Amino acid sequence: MCVECGGALPAALGLTPVSREDSVTFMPDIQHYWTEYNPYMAEGTLEWTWAVGENQHYWGYSVRPFQFNMDVEVERQWTTSDNGNQFFEHFIVTVRHVIENANGGLLRFSAFAAIGS
């Protein structure tokens, strides 16, 4: 519902509101994928590439610390594909530490696909 337009936006777009009782909701199946191993990364910034995904479903990705006392930031993430319909996910990742004398740690790369609707 559009609060600013007093709820008139759906009508202006030609949309008919459907009550909850009249609708059927299908929940997609969520599939979780992760890298075969948890790679080590020292403090700094690197590009990581992961061959995962396809173009038929929604995909979401995350890169998280697998160990304590690390900060992991994904500065940039993008997808490329080749002529063989192989998809590659690219991540520019920066690792920082919250404790002194620590240098590096393991990363957990995860992917989620929403199959169906």
C-alpha atoms as a PDB file:
ATOM      1  CA  MET A   1       0.000   0.000   0.000  1.00  0.00           C
ATOM      2  CA  CYS A   2       1.258   3.439  -0.885  1.00  0.00           C
ATOM      3  CA  VAL A   3       1.086   5.599   2.262  1.00  0.00           C
ATOM      4  CA  GLU A   4       2.055   8.835   0.489  1.00  0.00           C
ATOM      5  CA  CYS A   5      -0.668   8.436  -2.159  1.00  0.00           C
ATOM      6  CA  GLY A   6      -3.412   7.284   0.215  1.00  0.00           C
ATOM      7  CA  GLY A   7      -3.449   3.775  -1.254  1.00  0.00           C
ATOM      8  CA  ALA A   8      -4.324   5.012  -4.750  1.00  0.00           C
ATOM      9  CA  LEU A   9      -1.167   3.712  -6.442  1.00  0.00           C
ATOM     10  CA  PRO A  10      -2.417   0.127  -7.096  1.00  0.00           C
ATOM     11  CA  ALA A  11      -5.586   1.468  -8.747  1.00  0.00           C
ATOM     12  CA  ALA A  12      -3.561   3.958 -10.806  1.00  0.00           C
ATOM     13  CA  LEU A  13      -1.427   1.080 -12.096  1.00  0.00           C
ATOM     14  CA  GLY A  14      -4.466  -1.040 -12.917  1.00  0.00           C
ATOM     15  CA  LEU A  15      -3.749  -3.526 -10.126  1.00  0.00           C
ATOM     16  CA  THR A  16      -6.539  -5.242  -8.239  1.00  0.00           C
ATOM     17  CA  PRO A  17      -5.849  -5.876  -4.558  1.00  0.00           C
ATOM     18  CA  VAL A  18      -6.359  -9.480  -3.484  1.00  0.00           C
ATOM     19  CA  SER A  19      -7.329 -10.296   0.059  1.00  0.00           C
ATOM     20  CA  ARG A  20      -5.260 -12.816   1.988  1.00  0.00           C
ATOM     21  CA  GLU A  21      -8.158 -15.251   2.086  1.00  0.00           C
ATOM     22  CA  ASP A  22      -8.407 -15.260  -1.733  1.00  0.00           C
ATOM     23  CA  SER A  23      -4.737 -15.825  -2.465  1.00  0.00           C
ATOM     24  CA  VAL A  24      -2.633 -18.974  -2.518  1.00  0.00           C
ATOM     25  CA  THR A  25       0.979 -18.625  -1.470  1.00  0.00           C
ATOM     26  CA  PHE A  26       3.690 -20.983  -2.646  1.00  0.00           C
ATOM     27  CA  MET A  27       6.944 -20.913  -0.745  1.00  0.00           C
ATOM     28  CA  PRO A  28      10.072 -21.497  -2.814  1.00  0.00           C
ATOM     29  CA  ASP A  29      12.515 -24.218  -1.900  1.00  0.00           C
ATOM     30  CA  ILE A  30      15.722 -22.627  -0.605  1.00  0.00           C
ATOM     31  CA  GLN A  31      18.894 -24.543  -1.411  1.00  0.00           C
ATOM     32  CA  HIS A  32      22.139 -23.711   0.392  1.00  0.00           C
ATOM     33  CA  TYR A  33      25.558 -24.162  -1.200  1.00  0.00           C
ATOM     34  CA  TRP A  34      28.996 -23.434   0.212  1.00  0.00           C
ATOM     35  CA  THR A  35      32.571 -23.801  -0.930  1.00  0.00           C
ATOM     36  CA  GLU A  36      34.215 -27.196  -0.565  1.00  0.00           C
ATOM     37  CA  TYR A  37      36.732 -25.709   1.861  1.00  0.00           C
ATOM     38  CA  ASN A  38      36.975 -22.524   3.935  1.00  0.00           C
ATOM     39  CA  PRO A  39      39.856 -20.551   2.428  1.00  0.00           C
ATOM     40  CA  TYR A  40      42.394 -18.704   4.563  1.00  0.00           C
ATOM     41  CA  MET A  41      42.879 -14.992   3.959  1.00  0.00           C
ATOM     42  CA  ALA A  42      45.405 -12.713   5.658  1.00  0.00           C
ATOM     43  CA  GLU A  43      44.505  -9.149   6.518  1.00  0.00           C
ATOM     44  CA  GLY A  44      44.098  -7.113   3.321  1.00  0.00           C
ATOM     45  CA  THR A  45      41.987  -7.027   0.155  1.00  0.00           C
ATOM     46  CA  LEU A  46      41.701  -9.750  -2.515  1.00  0.00           C
ATOM     47  CA  GLU A  47      39.426 -10.802  -5.361  1.00  0.00           C
ATOM     48  CA  TRP A  48      37.858 -14.251  -5.010  1.00  0.00           C
ATOM     49  CA  THR A  49      36.091 -16.081  -7.842  1.00  0.00           C
ATOM     50  CA  TRP A  50      33.596 -18.919  -7.369  1.00  0.00           C
ATOM     51  CA  ALA A  51      32.020 -20.962 -10.195  1.00  0.00           C
ATOM     52  CA  VAL A  52      28.429 -21.192  -8.924  1.00  0.00           C
ATOM     53  CA  GLY A  53      24.909 -20.305 -10.033  1.00  0.00           C
ATOM     54  CA  GLU A  54      22.782 -20.225 -13.169  1.00  0.00           C
ATOM     55  CA  ASN A  55      20.242 -17.871 -14.732  1.00  0.00           C
ATOM     56  CA  GLN A  56      16.962 -19.683 -14.018  1.00  0.00           C
ATOM     57  CA  HIS A  57      16.536 -18.860 -10.317  1.00  0.00           C
ATOM     58  CA  TYR A  58      17.193 -16.148  -7.750  1.00  0.00           C
ATOM     59  CA  TRP A  59      20.669 -16.427  -6.192  1.00  0.00           C
ATOM     60  CA  GLY A  60      22.007 -14.694  -3.093  1.00  0.00           C
ATOM     61  CA  TYR A  61      25.566 -14.797  -1.780  1.00  0.00           C
ATOM     62  CA  SER A  62      27.474 -14.078   1.392  1.00  0.00           C
ATOM     63  CA  VAL A  63      31.067 -14.088   2.605  1.00  0.00           C
ATOM     64  CA  ARG A  64      31.420 -14.335   6.374  1.00  0.00           C
ATOM     65  CA  PRO A  65      34.181 -14.956   8.891  1.00  0.00           C
ATOM     66  CA  PHE A  66      34.434 -18.652   9.744  1.00  0.00           C
ATOM     67  CA  GLN A  67      36.487 -17.819  12.847  1.00  0.00           C
ATOM     68  CA  PHE A  68      36.165 -15.291  15.663  1.00  0.00           C
ATOM     69  CA  ASN A  69      37.859 -11.892  15.915  1.00  0.00           C
ATOM     70  CA  MET A  70      37.706 -11.005  12.213  1.00  0.00           C
ATOM     71  CA  ASP A  71      35.889  -8.348  10.203  1.00  0.00           C
ATOM     72  CA  VAL A  72      35.013  -9.343   6.641  1.00  0.00           C
ATOM     73  CA  GLU A  73      33.688  -6.787   4.173  1.00  0.00           C
ATOM     74  CA  VAL A  74      32.517  -7.508   0.629  1.00  0.00           C
ATOM     75  CA  GLU A  75      33.453  -4.299  -1.160  1.00  0.00           C
ATOM     76  CA  ARG A  76      32.121  -5.401  -4.548  1.00  0.00           C
ATOM     77  CA  GLN A  77      30.346  -8.452  -5.939  1.00  0.00           C
ATOM     78  CA  TRP A  78      29.409  -9.229  -9.556  1.00  0.00           C
ATOM     79  CA  THR A  79      28.513 -12.127 -11.844  1.00  0.00           C
ATOM     80  CA  THR A  80      29.983 -13.143 -15.196  1.00  0.00           C
ATOM     81  CA  SER A  81      29.162 -15.988 -17.577  1.00  0.00           C
ATOM     82  CA  ASP A  82      30.841 -17.626 -20.526  1.00  0.00           C
ATOM     83  CA  ASN A  83      29.640 -19.231 -23.778  1.00  0.00           C
ATOM     84  CA  GLY A  84      29.252 -22.589 -22.031  1.00  0.00           C
ATOM     85  CA  ASN A  85      26.586 -21.181 -19.680  1.00  0.00           C
ATOM     86  CA  GLN A  86      28.993 -21.364 -16.726  1.00  0.00           C
ATOM     87  CA  PHE A  87      28.430 -18.628 -14.153  1.00  0.00           C
ATOM     88  CA  PHE A  88      31.155 -17.111 -11.984  1.00  0.00           C
ATOM     89  CA  GLU A  89      30.624 -15.017  -8.885  1.00  0.00           C
ATOM     90  CA  HIS A  90      33.349 -12.453  -8.133  1.00  0.00           C
ATOM     91  CA  PHE A  91      33.958 -10.878  -4.723  1.00  0.00           C
ATOM     92  CA  ILE A  92      36.338  -8.115  -3.690  1.00  0.00           C
ATOM     93  CA  VAL A  93      36.856  -8.980   0.007  1.00  0.00           C
ATOM     94  CA  THR A  94      38.659  -7.030   2.733  1.00  0.00           C
ATOM     95  CA  VAL A  95      39.677  -8.720   5.996  1.00  0.00           C
ATOM     96  CA  ARG A  96      40.434  -6.758   9.164  1.00  0.00           C
ATOM     97  CA  HIS A  97      41.050  -7.982  12.701  1.00  0.00           C
ATOM     98  CA  VAL A  98      39.610  -6.751  15.954  1.00  0.00           C
ATOM     99  CA  ILE A  99      42.461  -8.078  18.103  1.00  0.00           C
ATOM    100  CA  GLU A 100      46.181  -7.334  17.896  1.00  0.00           C
ATOM    101  CA  ASN A 101      48.755  -9.841  16.631  1.00  0.00           C
ATOM    102  CA  ALA A 102      46.192 -11.731  14.573  1.00  0.00           C
ATOM    103  CA  ASN A 103      46.814 -12.082  10.866  1.00  0.00           C
ATOM    104  CA  GLY A 104      44.318 -13.963   8.844  1.00  0.00           C
ATOM    105  CA  GLY A 105      41.529 -16.391   9.257  1.00  0.00           C
ATOM    106  CA  LEU A 106      39.130 -18.665   7.441  1.00  0.00           C
ATOM    107  CA  LEU A 107      36.256 -17.391   5.285  1.00  0.00           C
ATOM    108  CA  ARG A 108      32.853 -19.021   4.682  1.00  0.00           C
ATOM    109  CA  PHE A 109      31.459 -18.473   1.176  1.00  0.00           C
ATOM    110  CA  SER A 110      27.738 -19.293   0.917  1.00  0.00           C
ATOM    111  CA  ALA A 111      25.173 -19.231  -1.878  1.00  0.00           C
ATOM    112  CA  PHE A 112      21.402 -19.578  -1.701  1.00  0.00           C
ATOM    113  CA  ALA A 113      19.098 -20.403  -4.581  1.00  0.00           C
ATOM    114  CA  ALA A 114      15.314 -19.898  -4.478  1.00  0.00           C
ATOM    115  CA  ILE A 115      13.815 -22.732  -6.566  1.00  0.00           C
ATOM    116  CA  GLY A 116      10.150 -22.473  -7.546  1.00  0.00           C
ATOM    117  CA  SER A 117       7.606 -19.955  -6.353  1.00  0.00           C
END
